[in-house]
Amino acid sequence: MRARHLPAVDRVDRDGEAVLLVGREVVRLSALATTLLDSCPDWTPVSELVDVLLAAFGSTPEGVAHTAATDAALRTLVAQGLVELD
């Protein structure tokens, strides 16, 4: 699976987090979600995104698979209209 971010109407970044205007909705992203979004400007394999998040934030909690956690975060961004998957 691969992911890429979709354009937002407007974006403000502060302290590693971001606030985006998507259509008429305002979406606030955590530092992890902002890093994930910024790491897929074009079609990027999920395996690469897992590596980016591990490098930036360290390992997932015990019992949580890295790929599953990244997939869940990506699906949240998809639901918010910020990312598409193929």
PDB file of N, CA and C in Angstrom:
ATOM      1  N   MET A   1       0.843  -1.167   0.000  1.00  0.00           N
ATOM      2  CA  MET A   1       0.000   0.000   0.000  1.00  0.00           C
ATOM      3  C   MET A   1       0.894   1.237   0.000  1.00  0.00           C
ATOM      4  N   ARG A   2       0.406   2.272  -0.663  1.00  0.00           N
ATOM      5  CA  ARG A   2       1.120   3.548  -0.722  1.00  0.00           C
ATOM      6  C   ARG A   2       0.157   4.663  -0.310  1.00  0.00           C
ATOM      7  N   ALA A   3       0.736   5.793   0.089  1.00  0.00           N
ATOM      8  CA  ALA A   3      -0.067   6.943   0.502  1.00  0.00           C
ATOM      9  C   ALA A   3       0.517   8.211  -0.088  1.00  0.00           C
ATOM     10  N   ARG A   4      -0.353   9.199  -0.284  1.00  0.00           N
ATOM     11  CA  ARG A   4       0.114  10.544  -0.631  1.00  0.00           C
ATOM     12  C   ARG A   4      -0.875  11.548  -0.060  1.00  0.00           C
ATOM     13  N   HIS A   5      -0.337  12.724   0.294  1.00  0.00           N
ATOM     14  CA  HIS A   5      -1.218  13.719   0.892  1.00  0.00           C
ATOM     15  C   HIS A   5      -1.956  14.497  -0.187  1.00  0.00           C
ATOM     16  N   LEU A   6      -3.108  14.999   0.198  1.00  0.00           N
ATOM     17  CA  LEU A   6      -3.944  15.807  -0.676  1.00  0.00           C
ATOM     18  C   LEU A   6      -3.779  17.272  -0.285  1.00  0.00           C
ATOM     19  N   PRO A   7      -4.044  18.184  -1.210  1.00  0.00           N
ATOM     20  CA  PRO A   7      -3.871  19.596  -0.886  1.00  0.00           C
ATOM     21  C   PRO A   7      -4.926  20.088   0.103  1.00  0.00           C
ATOM     22  N   ALA A   8      -4.525  20.998   0.953  1.00  0.00           N
ATOM     23  CA  ALA A   8      -5.439  21.666   1.874  1.00  0.00           C
ATOM     24  C   ALA A   8      -5.617  23.102   1.397  1.00  0.00           C
ATOM     25  N   VAL A   9      -6.701  23.734   1.799  1.00  0.00           N
ATOM     26  CA  VAL A   9      -6.960  25.123   1.413  1.00  0.00           C
ATOM     27  C   VAL A   9      -5.939  26.041   2.065  1.00  0.00           C
ATOM     28  N   ASP A  10      -5.630  25.767   3.327  1.00  0.00           N
ATOM     29  CA  ASP A  10      -4.669  26.592   4.058  1.00  0.00           C
ATOM     30  C   ASP A  10      -4.044  25.748   5.162  1.00  0.00           C
ATOM     31  N   ARG A  11      -2.875  26.179   5.634  1.00  0.00           N
ATOM     32  CA  ARG A  11      -2.167  25.431   6.669  1.00  0.00           C
ATOM     33  C   ARG A  11      -1.338  26.380   7.508  1.00  0.00           C
ATOM     34  N   VAL A  12      -1.366  26.146   8.822  1.00  0.00           N
ATOM     35  CA  VAL A  12      -0.538  26.883   9.762  1.00  0.00           C
ATOM     36  C   VAL A  12       0.202  25.855  10.607  1.00  0.00           C
ATOM     37  N   ASP A  13       1.519  26.014  10.719  1.00  0.00           N
ATOM     38  CA  ASP A  13       2.348  25.104  11.514  1.00  0.00           C
ATOM     39  C   ASP A  13       2.841  25.826  12.755  1.00  0.00           C
ATOM     40  N   ARG A  14       2.870  25.069  13.877  1.00  0.00           N
ATOM     41  CA  ARG A  14       3.391  25.633  15.127  1.00  0.00           C
ATOM     42  C   ARG A  14       3.833  24.495  16.041  1.00  0.00           C
ATOM     43  N   ASP A  15       5.069  24.569  16.492  1.00  0.00           N
ATOM     44  CA  ASP A  15       5.616  23.611  17.455  1.00  0.00           C
ATOM     45  C   ASP A  15       5.461  22.163  16.996  1.00  0.00           C
ATOM     46  N   GLY A  16       5.663  21.913  15.709  1.00  0.00           N
ATOM     47  CA  GLY A  16       5.610  20.566  15.174  1.00  0.00           C
ATOM     48  C   GLY A  16       4.221  20.074  14.822  1.00  0.00           C
ATOM     49  N   GLU A  17       3.195  20.805  15.223  1.00  0.00           N
ATOM     50  CA  GLU A  17       1.817  20.446  14.898  1.00  0.00           C
ATOM     51  C   GLU A  17       1.333  21.334  13.752  1.00  0.00           C
ATOM     52  N   ALA A  18       0.172  20.999  13.199  1.00  0.00           N
ATOM     53  CA  ALA A  18      -0.376  21.787  12.100  1.00  0.00           C
ATOM     54  C   ALA A  18      -1.887  21.897  12.241  1.00  0.00           C
ATOM     55  N   VAL A  19      -2.410  23.006  11.747  1.00  0.00           N
ATOM     56  CA  VAL A  19      -3.850  23.214  11.620  1.00  0.00           C
ATOM     57  C   VAL A  19      -4.106  23.457  10.147  1.00  0.00           C
ATOM     58  N   LEU A  20      -5.032  22.676   9.576  1.00  0.00           N
ATOM     59  CA  LEU A  20      -5.308  22.768   8.147  1.00  0.00           C
ATOM     60  C   LEU A  20      -6.776  23.070   7.904  1.00  0.00           C
ATOM     61  N   LEU A  21      -7.023  23.804   6.847  1.00  0.00           N
ATOM     62  CA  LEU A  21      -8.381  24.030   6.376  1.00  0.00           C
ATOM     63  C   LEU A  21      -8.599  23.095   5.199  1.00  0.00           C
ATOM     64  N   VAL A  22      -9.536  22.159   5.373  1.00  0.00           N
ATOM     65  CA  VAL A  22      -9.846  21.159   4.349  1.00  0.00           C
ATOM     66  C   VAL A  22     -11.303  21.370   3.971  1.00  0.00           C
ATOM     67  N   GLY A  23     -11.515  21.956   2.788  1.00  0.00           N
ATOM     68  CA  GLY A  23     -12.878  22.344   2.429  1.00  0.00           C
ATOM     69  C   GLY A  23     -13.325  23.424   3.384  1.00  0.00           C
ATOM     70  N   ARG A  24     -14.373  23.138   4.171  1.00  0.00           N
ATOM     71  CA  ARG A  24     -14.858  24.088   5.179  1.00  0.00           C
ATOM     72  C   ARG A  24     -14.557  23.624   6.600  1.00  0.00           C
ATOM     73  N   GLU A  25     -13.770  22.566   6.715  1.00  0.00           N
ATOM     74  CA  GLU A  25     -13.438  21.987   8.012  1.00  0.00           C
ATOM     75  C   GLU A  25     -12.027  22.378   8.441  1.00  0.00           C
ATOM     76  N   VAL A  26     -11.868  22.652   9.722  1.00  0.00           N
ATOM     77  CA  VAL A  26     -10.554  22.906  10.301  1.00  0.00           C
ATOM     78  C   VAL A  26     -10.112  21.618  10.997  1.00  0.00           C
ATOM     79  N   VAL A  27      -8.896  21.166  10.677  1.00  0.00           N
ATOM     80  CA  VAL A  27      -8.362  19.930  11.230  1.00  0.00           C
ATOM     81  C   VAL A  27      -7.040  20.252  11.925  1.00  0.00           C
ATOM     82  N   ARG A  28      -6.950  19.855  13.193  1.00  0.00           N
ATOM     83  CA  ARG A  28      -5.696  20.029  13.933  1.00  0.00           C
ATOM     84  C   ARG A  28      -4.973  18.696  13.975  1.00  0.00           C
ATOM     85  N   LEU A  29      -3.694  18.719  13.605  1.00  0.00           N
ATOM     86  CA  LEU A  29      -2.886  17.498  13.568  1.00  0.00           C
ATOM     87  C   LEU A  29      -1.830  17.513  14.661  1.00  0.00           C
ATOM     88  N   SER A  30      -1.664  16.369  15.285  1.00  0.00           N
ATOM     89  CA  SER A  30      -0.579  16.187  16.253  1.00  0.00           C
ATOM     90  C   SER A  30       0.756  16.216  15.515  1.00  0.00           C
ATOM     91  N   ALA A  31       1.830  16.213  16.283  1.00  0.00           N
ATOM     92  CA  ALA A  31       3.161  16.168  15.668  1.00  0.00           C
ATOM     93  C   ALA A  31       3.342  14.892  14.853  1.00  0.00           C
ATOM     94  N   LEU A  32       2.835  13.768  15.358  1.00  0.00           N
ATOM     95  CA  LEU A  32       2.952  12.505  14.624  1.00  0.00           C
ATOM     96  C   LEU A  32       2.182  12.584  13.304  1.00  0.00           C
ATOM     97  N   ALA A  33       0.953  13.055  13.347  1.00  0.00           N
ATOM     98  CA  ALA A  33       0.145  13.153  12.126  1.00  0.00           C
ATOM     99  C   ALA A  33       0.751  14.151  11.145  1.00  0.00           C
ATOM    100  N   THR A  34       1.307  15.248  11.648  1.00  0.00           N
ATOM    101  CA  THR A  34       1.953  16.234  10.778  1.00  0.00           C
ATOM    102  C   THR A  34       3.167  15.623  10.097  1.00  0.00           C
ATOM    103  N   THR A  35       3.978  14.889  10.854  1.00  0.00           N
ATOM    104  CA  THR A  35       5.148  14.206  10.287  1.00  0.00           C
ATOM    105  C   THR A  35       4.715  13.204   9.224  1.00  0.00           C
ATOM    106  N   LEU A  36       3.688  12.446   9.529  1.00  0.00           N
ATOM    107  CA  LEU A  36       3.179  11.459   8.571  1.00  0.00           C
ATOM    108  C   LEU A  36       2.706  12.140   7.295  1.00  0.00           C
ATOM    109  N   LEU A  37       1.939  13.195   7.425  1.00  0.00           N
ATOM    110  CA  LEU A  37       1.427  13.929   6.266  1.00  0.00           C
ATOM    111  C   LEU A  37       2.578  14.497   5.421  1.00  0.00           C
ATOM    112  N   ASP A  38       3.539  15.100   6.084  1.00  0.00           N
ATOM    113  CA  ASP A  38       4.667  15.710   5.369  1.00  0.00           C
ATOM    114  C   ASP A  38       5.585  14.690   4.715  1.00  0.00           C
ATOM    115  N   SER A  39       5.507  13.444   5.159  1.00  0.00           N
ATOM    116  CA  SER A  39       6.389  12.400   4.641  1.00  0.00           C
ATOM    117  C   SER A  39       5.853  11.705   3.393  1.00  0.00           C
ATOM    118  N   CYS A  40       4.666  12.099   2.950  1.00  0.00           N
ATOM    119  CA  CYS A  40       4.118  11.463   1.740  1.00  0.00           C
ATOM    120  C   CYS A  40       3.608  12.507   0.744  1.00  0.00           C
ATOM    121  N   PRO A  41       4.514  13.383   0.259  1.00  0.00           N
ATOM    122  CA  PRO A  41       4.091  14.380  -0.729  1.00  0.00           C
ATOM    123  C   PRO A  41       3.698  13.751  -2.062  1.00  0.00           C
ATOM    124  N   ASP A  42       4.265  12.599  -2.349  1.00  0.00           N
ATOM    125  CA  ASP A  42       3.918  11.820  -3.536  1.00  0.00           C
ATOM    126  C   ASP A  42       3.730  10.384  -3.061  1.00  0.00           C
ATOM    127  N   TRP A  43       3.316   9.503  -3.947  1.00  0.00           N
ATOM    128  CA  TRP A  43       3.048   8.124  -3.546  1.00  0.00           C
ATOM    129  C   TRP A  43       4.249   7.538  -2.819  1.00  0.00           C
ATOM    130  N   THR A  44       4.052   7.187  -1.565  1.00  0.00           N
ATOM    131  CA  THR A  44       5.113   6.682  -0.700  1.00  0.00           C
ATOM    132  C   THR A  44       4.664   5.359  -0.085  1.00  0.00           C
ATOM    133  N   PRO A  45       5.492   4.323  -0.172  1.00  0.00           N
ATOM    134  CA  PRO A  45       5.127   3.046   0.446  1.00  0.00           C
ATOM    135  C   PRO A  45       4.966   3.188   1.962  1.00  0.00           C
ATOM    136  N   VAL A  46       4.012   2.468   2.516  1.00  0.00           N
ATOM    137  CA  VAL A  46       3.767   2.519   3.954  1.00  0.00           C
ATOM    138  C   VAL A  46       5.008   2.076   4.721  1.00  0.00           C
ATOM    139  N   SER A  47       5.765   1.146   4.182  1.00  0.00           N
ATOM    140  CA  SER A  47       6.987   0.705   4.867  1.00  0.00           C
ATOM    141  C   SER A  47       7.952   1.870   5.090  1.00  0.00           C
ATOM    142  N   GLU A  48       8.052   2.779   4.144  1.00  0.00           N
ATOM    143  CA  GLU A  48       8.899   3.961   4.313  1.00  0.00           C
ATOM    144  C   GLU A  48       8.335   4.889   5.371  1.00  0.00           C
ATOM    145  N   LEU A  49       7.017   5.015   5.408  1.00  0.00           N
ATOM    146  CA  LEU A  49       6.378   5.882   6.400  1.00  0.00           C
ATOM    147  C   LEU A  49       6.569   5.318   7.807  1.00  0.00           C
ATOM    148  N   VAL A  50       6.518   4.001   7.936  1.00  0.00           N
ATOM    149  CA  VAL A  50       6.789   3.362   9.227  1.00  0.00           C
ATOM    150  C   VAL A  50       8.194   3.737   9.692  1.00  0.00           C
ATOM    151  N   ASP A  51       9.169   3.652   8.797  1.00  0.00           N
ATOM    152  CA  ASP A  51      10.556   3.983   9.143  1.00  0.00           C
ATOM    153  C   ASP A  51      10.694   5.436   9.582  1.00  0.00           C
ATOM    154  N   VAL A  52      10.002   6.346   8.881  1.00  0.00           N
ATOM    155  CA  VAL A  52      10.051   7.774   9.231  1.00  0.00           C
ATOM    156  C   VAL A  52       9.509   7.981  10.647  1.00  0.00           C
ATOM    157  N   LEU A  53       8.358   7.372  10.944  1.00  0.00           N
ATOM    158  CA  LEU A  53       7.754   7.557  12.266  1.00  0.00           C
ATOM    159  C   LEU A  53       8.599   6.925  13.369  1.00  0.00           C
ATOM    160  N   LEU A  54       9.179   5.765  13.100  1.00  0.00           N
ATOM    161  CA  LEU A  54      10.051   5.138  14.097  1.00  0.00           C
ATOM    162  C   LEU A  54      11.273   6.011  14.374  1.00  0.00           C
ATOM    163  N   ALA A  55      11.843   6.603  13.341  1.00  0.00           N
ATOM    164  CA  ALA A  55      13.004   7.476  13.513  1.00  0.00           C
ATOM    165  C   ALA A  55      12.648   8.739  14.291  1.00  0.00           C
ATOM    166  N   ALA A  56      11.456   9.267  14.055  1.00  0.00           N
ATOM    167  CA  ALA A  56      11.056  10.523  14.688  1.00  0.00           C
ATOM    168  C   ALA A  56      10.502  10.336  16.102  1.00  0.00           C
ATOM    169  N   PHE A  57       9.781   9.234  16.347  1.00  0.00           N
ATOM    170  CA  PHE A  57       9.048   9.087  17.606  1.00  0.00           C
ATOM    171  C   PHE A  57       9.403   7.841  18.412  1.00  0.00           C
ATOM    172  N   GLY A  58      10.259   6.996  17.864  1.00  0.00           N
ATOM    173  CA  GLY A  58      10.627   5.781  18.567  1.00  0.00           C
ATOM    174  C   GLY A  58       9.609   4.674  18.354  1.00  0.00           C
ATOM    175  N   SER A  59       9.803   3.597  19.053  1.00  0.00           N
ATOM    176  CA  SER A  59       8.987   2.403  18.873  1.00  0.00           C
ATOM    177  C   SER A  59       7.564   2.592  19.392  1.00  0.00           C
ATOM    178  N   THR A  60       6.655   1.795  18.852  1.00  0.00           N
ATOM    179  CA  THR A  60       5.273   1.789  19.319  1.00  0.00           C
ATOM    180  C   THR A  60       5.211   1.075  20.671  1.00  0.00           C
ATOM    181  N   PRO A  61       4.129   1.248  21.411  1.00  0.00           N
ATOM    182  CA  PRO A  61       4.004   0.534  22.695  1.00  0.00           C
ATOM    183  C   PRO A  61       4.066  -0.977  22.493  1.00  0.00           C
ATOM    184  N   GLU A  62       4.459  -1.679  23.535  1.00  0.00           N
ATOM    185  CA  GLU A  62       4.553  -3.134  23.473  1.00  0.00           C
ATOM    186  C   GLU A  62       3.213  -3.723  23.058  1.00  0.00           C
ATOM    187  N   GLY A  63       3.269  -4.656  22.121  1.00  0.00           N
ATOM    188  CA  GLY A  63       2.057  -5.320  21.643  1.00  0.00           C
ATOM    189  C   GLY A  63       1.374  -4.617  20.486  1.00  0.00           C
ATOM    190  N   VAL A  64       1.883  -3.456  20.081  1.00  0.00           N
ATOM    191  CA  VAL A  64       1.299  -2.720  18.959  1.00  0.00           C
ATOM    192  C   VAL A  64       2.266  -2.796  17.776  1.00  0.00           C
ATOM    193  N   ALA A  65       1.808  -3.367  16.677  1.00  0.00           N
ATOM    194  CA  ALA A  65       2.657  -3.505  15.490  1.00  0.00           C
ATOM    195  C   ALA A  65       2.878  -2.143  14.832  1.00  0.00           C
ATOM    196  N   HIS A  66       4.122  -1.893  14.424  1.00  0.00           N
ATOM    197  CA  HIS A  66       4.470  -0.615  13.796  1.00  0.00           C
ATOM    198  C   HIS A  66       3.606  -0.346  12.565  1.00  0.00           C
ATOM    199  N   THR A  67       3.479  -1.353  11.713  1.00  0.00           N
ATOM    200  CA  THR A  67       2.723  -1.175  10.471  1.00  0.00           C
ATOM    201  C   THR A  67       1.245  -0.948  10.758  1.00  0.00           C
ATOM    202  N   ALA A  68       0.697  -1.667  11.712  1.00  0.00           N
ATOM    203  CA  ALA A  68      -0.723  -1.496  12.057  1.00  0.00           C
ATOM    204  C   ALA A  68      -0.986  -0.102  12.616  1.00  0.00           C
ATOM    205  N   ALA A  69      -0.080   0.406  13.440  1.00  0.00           N
ATOM    206  CA  ALA A  69      -0.251   1.744  14.006  1.00  0.00           C
ATOM    207  C   ALA A  69      -0.163   2.811  12.910  1.00  0.00           C
ATOM    208  N   THR A  70       0.775   2.641  11.988  1.00  0.00           N
ATOM    209  CA  THR A  70       0.908   3.589  10.879  1.00  0.00           C
ATOM    210  C   THR A  70      -0.316   3.524   9.977  1.00  0.00           C
ATOM    211  N   ASP A  71      -0.794   2.329   9.708  1.00  0.00           N
ATOM    212  CA  ASP A  71      -1.993   2.153   8.896  1.00  0.00           C
ATOM    213  C   ASP A  71      -3.196   2.846   9.547  1.00  0.00           C
ATOM    214  N   ALA A  72      -3.346   2.694  10.838  1.00  0.00           N
ATOM    215  CA  ALA A  72      -4.463   3.334  11.547  1.00  0.00           C
ATOM    216  C   ALA A  72      -4.365   4.859  11.460  1.00  0.00           C
ATOM    217  N   ALA A  73      -3.156   5.383  11.622  1.00  0.00           N
ATOM    218  CA  ALA A  73      -2.966   6.836  11.517  1.00  0.00           C
ATOM    219  C   ALA A  73      -3.279   7.320  10.104  1.00  0.00           C
ATOM    220  N   LEU A  74      -2.845   6.568   9.107  1.00  0.00           N
ATOM    221  CA  LEU A  74      -3.140   6.940   7.717  1.00  0.00           C
ATOM    222  C   LEU A  74      -4.638   6.918   7.447  1.00  0.00           C
ATOM    223  N   ARG A  75      -5.334   5.926   7.950  1.00  0.00           N
ATOM    224  CA  ARG A  75      -6.783   5.830   7.724  1.00  0.00           C
ATOM    225  C   ARG A  75      -7.530   6.982   8.397  1.00  0.00           C
ATOM    226  N   THR A  76      -7.011   7.464   9.510  1.00  0.00           N
ATOM    227  CA  THR A  76      -7.593   8.650  10.140  1.00  0.00           C
ATOM    228  C   THR A  76      -7.402   9.870   9.240  1.00  0.00           C
ATOM    229  N   LEU A  77      -6.213  10.001   8.662  1.00  0.00           N
ATOM    230  CA  LEU A  77      -5.954  11.121   7.746  1.00  0.00           C
ATOM    231  C   LEU A  77      -6.805  11.008   6.482  1.00  0.00           C
ATOM    232  N   VAL A  78      -7.062   9.782   6.025  1.00  0.00           N
ATOM    233  CA  VAL A  78      -7.950   9.570   4.873  1.00  0.00           C
ATOM    234  C   VAL A  78      -9.356  10.064   5.219  1.00  0.00           C
ATOM    235  N   ALA A  79      -9.846   9.697   6.387  1.00  0.00           N
ATOM    236  CA  ALA A  79     -11.191  10.102   6.815  1.00  0.00           C
ATOM    237  C   ALA A  79     -11.316  11.621   6.931  1.00  0.00           C
ATOM    238  N   GLN A  80     -10.200  12.291   7.209  1.00  0.00           N
ATOM    239  CA  GLN A  80     -10.198  13.749   7.329  1.00  0.00           C
ATOM    240  C   GLN A  80      -9.974  14.436   5.978  1.00  0.00           C
ATOM    241  N   GLY A  81      -9.814  13.653   4.911  1.00  0.00           N
ATOM    242  CA  GLY A  81      -9.622  14.221   3.585  1.00  0.00           C
ATOM    243  C   GLY A  81      -8.233  14.751   3.323  1.00  0.00           C
ATOM    244  N   LEU A  82      -7.245  14.252   4.072  1.00  0.00           N
ATOM    245  CA  LEU A  82      -5.881  14.762   3.940  1.00  0.00           C
ATOM    246  C   LEU A  82      -4.937  13.832   3.196  1.00  0.00           C
ATOM    247  N   VAL A  83      -5.303  12.557   3.093  1.00  0.00           N
ATOM    248  CA  VAL A  83      -4.434  11.550   2.464  1.00  0.00           C
ATOM    249  C   VAL A  83      -5.298  10.627   1.603  1.00  0.00           C
ATOM    250  N   GLU A  84      -4.692  10.109   0.546  1.00  0.00           N
ATOM    251  CA  GLU A  84      -5.332   9.034  -0.224  1.00  0.00           C
ATOM    252  C   GLU A  84      -4.399   7.847  -0.251  1.00  0.00           C
ATOM    253  N   LEU A  85      -4.998   6.670  -0.340  1.00  0.00           N
ATOM    254  CA  LEU A  85      -4.248   5.408  -0.359  1.00  0.00           C
ATOM    255  C   LEU A  85      -4.484   4.676  -1.663  1.00  0.00           C
ATOM    256  N   ASP A  86      -3.505   3.891  -2.075  1.00  0.00           N
ATOM    257  CA  ASP A  86      -3.718   2.979  -3.218  1.00  0.00           C
ATOM    258  C   ASP A  86      -3.187   1.620  -2.888  1.00  0.00           C
TER     259      ASP A  86
END
